[in-house]
Structure formats: C-alpha cells, structure tokens
Amino acid sequence: MFLNLLNKKESENFLELAYDAMEINGVIKESEEAIVETYRKETGLLDYQLKEKSLEELITSFQSSTKKVKRAVIIELAGVLDADEVVDEDEKKWIFKLGEDLGFREAEIRKMLRWVQDFNDLLQEGYEYINKK
C-alpha cells in the first residue's frame, strides 16, 4: 500500500524485516506468507534472496530514511503482524521496539498499529458485505 515510498535498498531491507516479523512467534501462517508475497510484488523484488541481516543492521539501515518512509515501514509491518487477525505480546514487543528504535513515541506506534487493525477489519467487513447473498 505504501511501499512505493521506499527506494530499492529500503525495499530490500523492508522485506528482511517482514520475514523477521513472520517468524516472531515461531509459527509462520499462510496469511502472513500471503501478505509478504504481496509485498514482494509491490516492491518489484520477486526474486530477492534474503540475506538474514540482523535486526540491528536493519534498524541502522533505516536511520537516515525520512519519517514518511519509517511510518510506511511500521504500518506495513503491522500488516504482517495482523495478517492472522491477532497481534500477540511478542509481536507487540517487537513492533514497539522497532518503532522506538526508528524514533517514534509509543503513542504513535500504538496509533499506527491500531489503524492497521481497524483498516483490516473494515476491509474484511467490505468483503463480507460484497459477498453477501
């Protein structure tokens, strides 16, 4: 949705983070894989090979990015975490630490996460409404 704001290097590092996000709770769900595949298409990096960069390296890579790019990263990663409709405590800790490391206050991170969850709920409601008999 917002990944067009990222340059190629930021997109590659974002995909690294997206895969990290999928693996947080030790269970990779089909819904998470589907959203990351969508991100690969959106970034045009279908053939990107993961380099398994450390979280610290990835955070450092985004330090010089604009606030707009950093917000896009947090919002899109929240989409991965909410893909299964549940953001568990480990996932919350991860996104809040990442957000704080990128320079966001806890309240802003919470707002972005809530927005993604609300958006996903509305999207689901729309699909249900359209498919209603």
C-alpha atoms as a PDB file:
ATOM      1  CA  MET A   1       0.000   0.000   0.000  1.00  0.00           C
ATOM      2  CA  PHE A   2       2.754   2.470   0.986  1.00  0.00           C
ATOM      3  CA  LEU A   3       5.847   0.612  -0.171  1.00  0.00           C
ATOM      4  CA  ASN A   4       6.124   2.814  -3.255  1.00  0.00           C
ATOM      5  CA  LEU A   5       7.684   5.390  -0.898  1.00  0.00           C
ATOM      6  CA  LEU A   6      10.743   3.170  -0.385  1.00  0.00           C
ATOM      7  CA  ASN A   7      13.788   3.102  -2.627  1.00  0.00           C
ATOM      8  CA  LYS A   8      15.260  -0.240  -3.748  1.00  0.00           C
ATOM      9  CA  LYS A   9      17.632  -0.626  -0.787  1.00  0.00           C
ATOM     10  CA  GLU A  10      14.887   0.318   1.690  1.00  0.00           C
ATOM     11  CA  SER A  11      12.554  -2.169  -0.032  1.00  0.00           C
ATOM     12  CA  GLU A  12      15.115  -4.959   0.308  1.00  0.00           C
ATOM     13  CA  ASN A  13      15.641  -4.168   3.974  1.00  0.00           C
ATOM     14  CA  PHE A  14      11.885  -3.949   4.471  1.00  0.00           C
ATOM     15  CA  LEU A  15      11.473  -7.489   3.087  1.00  0.00           C
ATOM     16  CA  GLU A  16      14.111  -8.668   5.554  1.00  0.00           C
ATOM     17  CA  LEU A  17      12.071  -7.104   8.375  1.00  0.00           C
ATOM     18  CA  ALA A  18       8.833  -8.586   7.009  1.00  0.00           C
ATOM     19  CA  TYR A  19      10.321 -12.076   7.182  1.00  0.00           C
ATOM     20  CA  ASP A  20      11.541 -11.369  10.717  1.00  0.00           C
ATOM     21  CA  ALA A  21       8.014 -10.250  11.616  1.00  0.00           C
ATOM     22  CA  MET A  22       6.551 -13.519  10.322  1.00  0.00           C
ATOM     23  CA  GLU A  23       8.912 -15.561  12.488  1.00  0.00           C
ATOM     24  CA  ILE A  24       8.435 -13.728  15.801  1.00  0.00           C
ATOM     25  CA  ASN A  25       6.069 -16.183  17.454  1.00  0.00           C
ATOM     26  CA  GLY A  26       7.693 -19.235  15.861  1.00  0.00           C
ATOM     27  CA  VAL A  27       4.696 -20.039  13.660  1.00  0.00           C
ATOM     28  CA  ILE A  28       4.520 -18.788  10.090  1.00  0.00           C
ATOM     29  CA  LYS A  29       0.904 -18.712   8.989  1.00  0.00           C
ATOM     30  CA  GLU A  30      -0.382 -18.859   5.449  1.00  0.00           C
ATOM     31  CA  SER A  31      -1.969 -15.400   5.843  1.00  0.00           C
ATOM     32  CA  GLU A  32       1.424 -13.951   6.797  1.00  0.00           C
ATOM     33  CA  GLU A  33       3.129 -15.606   3.844  1.00  0.00           C
ATOM     34  CA  ALA A  34       0.433 -14.238   1.535  1.00  0.00           C
ATOM     35  CA  ILE A  35       0.909 -10.657   2.680  1.00  0.00           C
ATOM     36  CA  VAL A  36       4.706 -10.882   2.368  1.00  0.00           C
ATOM     37  CA  GLU A  37       4.263 -12.266  -1.150  1.00  0.00           C
ATOM     38  CA  THR A  38       2.079  -9.229  -1.896  1.00  0.00           C
ATOM     39  CA  TYR A  39       4.884  -7.013  -0.565  1.00  0.00           C
ATOM     40  CA  ARG A  40       7.374  -8.743  -2.881  1.00  0.00           C
ATOM     41  CA  LYS A  41       5.133  -7.917  -5.829  1.00  0.00           C
ATOM     42  CA  GLU A  42       4.524  -4.358  -4.649  1.00  0.00           C
ATOM     43  CA  THR A  43       8.263  -3.707  -4.335  1.00  0.00           C
ATOM     44  CA  GLY A  44       9.062  -5.482  -7.595  1.00  0.00           C
ATOM     45  CA  LEU A  45      11.500  -7.735  -5.723  1.00  0.00           C
ATOM     46  CA  LEU A  46      10.020 -11.117  -6.592  1.00  0.00           C
ATOM     47  CA  ASP A  47      13.463 -12.703  -6.923  1.00  0.00           C
ATOM     48  CA  TYR A  48      15.043 -11.059  -3.867  1.00  0.00           C
ATOM     49  CA  GLN A  49      17.114 -13.540  -1.862  1.00  0.00           C
ATOM     50  CA  LEU A  50      17.032 -12.944   1.888  1.00  0.00           C
ATOM     51  CA  LYS A  51      20.378 -12.134   3.422  1.00  0.00           C
ATOM     52  CA  GLU A  52      19.209 -12.758   7.003  1.00  0.00           C
ATOM     53  CA  LYS A  53      20.511  -9.424   8.223  1.00  0.00           C
ATOM     54  CA  SER A  54      20.446  -8.754  11.947  1.00  0.00           C
ATOM     55  CA  LEU A  55      17.710  -6.567  13.383  1.00  0.00           C
ATOM     56  CA  GLU A  56      20.348  -4.047  14.475  1.00  0.00           C
ATOM     57  CA  GLU A  57      21.724  -3.830  10.933  1.00  0.00           C
ATOM     58  CA  LEU A  58      18.227  -3.330   9.536  1.00  0.00           C
ATOM     59  CA  ILE A  59      17.379  -0.624  12.071  1.00  0.00           C
ATOM     60  CA  THR A  60      20.628   1.173  11.240  1.00  0.00           C
ATOM     61  CA  SER A  61      19.803   0.971   7.531  1.00  0.00           C
ATOM     62  CA  PHE A  62      16.593   2.962   8.114  1.00  0.00           C
ATOM     63  CA  GLN A  63      18.116   5.614  10.412  1.00  0.00           C
ATOM     64  CA  SER A  64      18.712   8.030   7.536  1.00  0.00           C
ATOM     65  CA  SER A  65      15.322   7.366   5.903  1.00  0.00           C
ATOM     66  CA  THR A  66      12.610  10.002   6.030  1.00  0.00           C
ATOM     67  CA  LYS A  67       9.883   9.903   8.693  1.00  0.00           C
ATOM     68  CA  LYS A  68       7.428   9.154   5.897  1.00  0.00           C
ATOM     69  CA  VAL A  69       9.375   6.029   4.904  1.00  0.00           C
ATOM     70  CA  LYS A  70       9.733   4.945   8.530  1.00  0.00           C
ATOM     71  CA  ARG A  71       5.979   5.319   9.073  1.00  0.00           C
ATOM     72  CA  ALA A  72       5.319   3.273   5.936  1.00  0.00           C
ATOM     73  CA  VAL A  73       7.643   0.557   7.233  1.00  0.00           C
ATOM     74  CA  ILE A  74       5.907   0.361  10.623  1.00  0.00           C
ATOM     75  CA  ILE A  75       2.424   0.377   9.082  1.00  0.00           C
ATOM     76  CA  GLU A  76       3.248  -2.311   6.532  1.00  0.00           C
ATOM     77  CA  LEU A  77       4.992  -4.485   9.140  1.00  0.00           C
ATOM     78  CA  ALA A  78       1.940  -4.124  11.368  1.00  0.00           C
ATOM     79  CA  GLY A  79       0.047  -5.595   8.417  1.00  0.00           C
ATOM     80  CA  VAL A  80       2.221  -8.706   8.616  1.00  0.00           C
ATOM     81  CA  LEU A  81       1.660  -8.989  12.352  1.00  0.00           C
ATOM     82  CA  ASP A  82      -2.110  -8.575  11.992  1.00  0.00           C
ATOM     83  CA  ALA A  83      -2.413 -10.881   8.965  1.00  0.00           C
ATOM     84  CA  ASP A  84      -3.707 -13.671  11.216  1.00  0.00           C
ATOM     85  CA  GLU A  85      -6.028 -11.185  12.994  1.00  0.00           C
ATOM     86  CA  VAL A  86      -4.087 -11.490  16.260  1.00  0.00           C
ATOM     87  CA  VAL A  87      -1.083  -9.432  17.350  1.00  0.00           C
ATOM     88  CA  ASP A  88       0.324 -11.357  20.301  1.00  0.00           C
ATOM     89  CA  GLU A  89       2.518  -9.940  23.070  1.00  0.00           C
ATOM     90  CA  ASP A  90       5.811 -10.961  21.433  1.00  0.00           C
ATOM     91  CA  GLU A  91       4.738  -9.304  18.183  1.00  0.00           C
ATOM     92  CA  LYS A  92       3.721  -6.144  20.057  1.00  0.00           C
ATOM     93  CA  LYS A  93       7.066  -6.006  21.864  1.00  0.00           C
ATOM     94  CA  TRP A  94       8.891  -6.419  18.550  1.00  0.00           C
ATOM     95  CA  ILE A  95       6.989  -3.668  16.687  1.00  0.00           C
ATOM     96  CA  PHE A  96       7.195  -1.275  19.645  1.00  0.00           C
ATOM     97  CA  LYS A  97      10.954  -1.795  19.984  1.00  0.00           C
ATOM     98  CA  LEU A  98      11.439  -1.362  16.256  1.00  0.00           C
ATOM     99  CA  GLY A  99       9.280   1.753  16.216  1.00  0.00           C
ATOM    100  CA  GLU A 100      11.106   3.278  19.176  1.00  0.00           C
ATOM    101  CA  ASP A 101      14.468   2.474  17.580  1.00  0.00           C
ATOM    102  CA  LEU A 102      13.267   4.319  14.460  1.00  0.00           C
ATOM    103  CA  GLY A 103      12.425   7.362  16.565  1.00  0.00           C
ATOM    104  CA  PHE A 104       8.698   7.031  17.248  1.00  0.00           C
ATOM    105  CA  ARG A 105       6.960   7.549  20.561  1.00  0.00           C
ATOM    106  CA  GLU A 106       4.960   4.637  21.948  1.00  0.00           C
ATOM    107  CA  ALA A 107       1.677   6.515  21.417  1.00  0.00           C
ATOM    108  CA  GLU A 108       2.403   6.964  17.701  1.00  0.00           C
ATOM    109  CA  ILE A 109       3.350   3.312  17.277  1.00  0.00           C
ATOM    110  CA  ARG A 110       0.147   2.291  19.046  1.00  0.00           C
ATOM    111  CA  LYS A 111      -1.825   4.607  16.733  1.00  0.00           C
ATOM    112  CA  MET A 112      -0.244   3.075  13.589  1.00  0.00           C
ATOM    113  CA  LEU A 113      -0.885  -0.469  14.828  1.00  0.00           C
ATOM    114  CA  ARG A 114      -4.489   0.359  15.715  1.00  0.00           C
ATOM    115  CA  TRP A 115      -5.008   1.981  12.300  1.00  0.00           C
ATOM    116  CA  VAL A 116      -3.808  -1.166  10.539  1.00  0.00           C
ATOM    117  CA  GLN A 117      -6.062  -3.378  12.650  1.00  0.00           C
ATOM    118  CA  ASP A 118      -9.055  -1.085  12.016  1.00  0.00           C
ATOM    119  CA  PHE A 119      -8.266  -0.960   8.290  1.00  0.00           C
ATOM    120  CA  ASN A 120      -8.051  -4.759   8.103  1.00  0.00           C
ATOM    121  CA  ASP A 121     -11.355  -5.082   9.990  1.00  0.00           C
ATOM    122  CA  LEU A 122     -13.052  -2.651   7.607  1.00  0.00           C
ATOM    123  CA  LEU A 123     -11.602  -4.428   4.587  1.00  0.00           C
ATOM    124  CA  GLN A 124     -12.899  -7.767   5.870  1.00  0.00           C
ATOM    125  CA  GLU A 125     -16.303  -6.197   6.546  1.00  0.00           C
ATOM    126  CA  GLY A 126     -16.359  -4.861   2.992  1.00  0.00           C
ATOM    127  CA  TYR A 127     -15.591  -8.281   1.527  1.00  0.00           C
ATOM    128  CA  GLU A 128     -18.330  -9.822   3.664  1.00  0.00           C
ATOM    129  CA  TYR A 129     -20.782  -7.155   2.541  1.00  0.00           C
ATOM    130  CA  ILE A 130     -19.925  -7.587  -1.141  1.00  0.00           C
ATOM    131  CA  ASN A 131     -20.213 -11.369  -0.941  1.00  0.00           C
ATOM    132  CA  LYS A 132     -23.487 -11.239   0.996  1.00  0.00           C
ATOM    133  CA  LYS A 133     -26.335 -13.076  -0.723  1.00  0.00           C
END
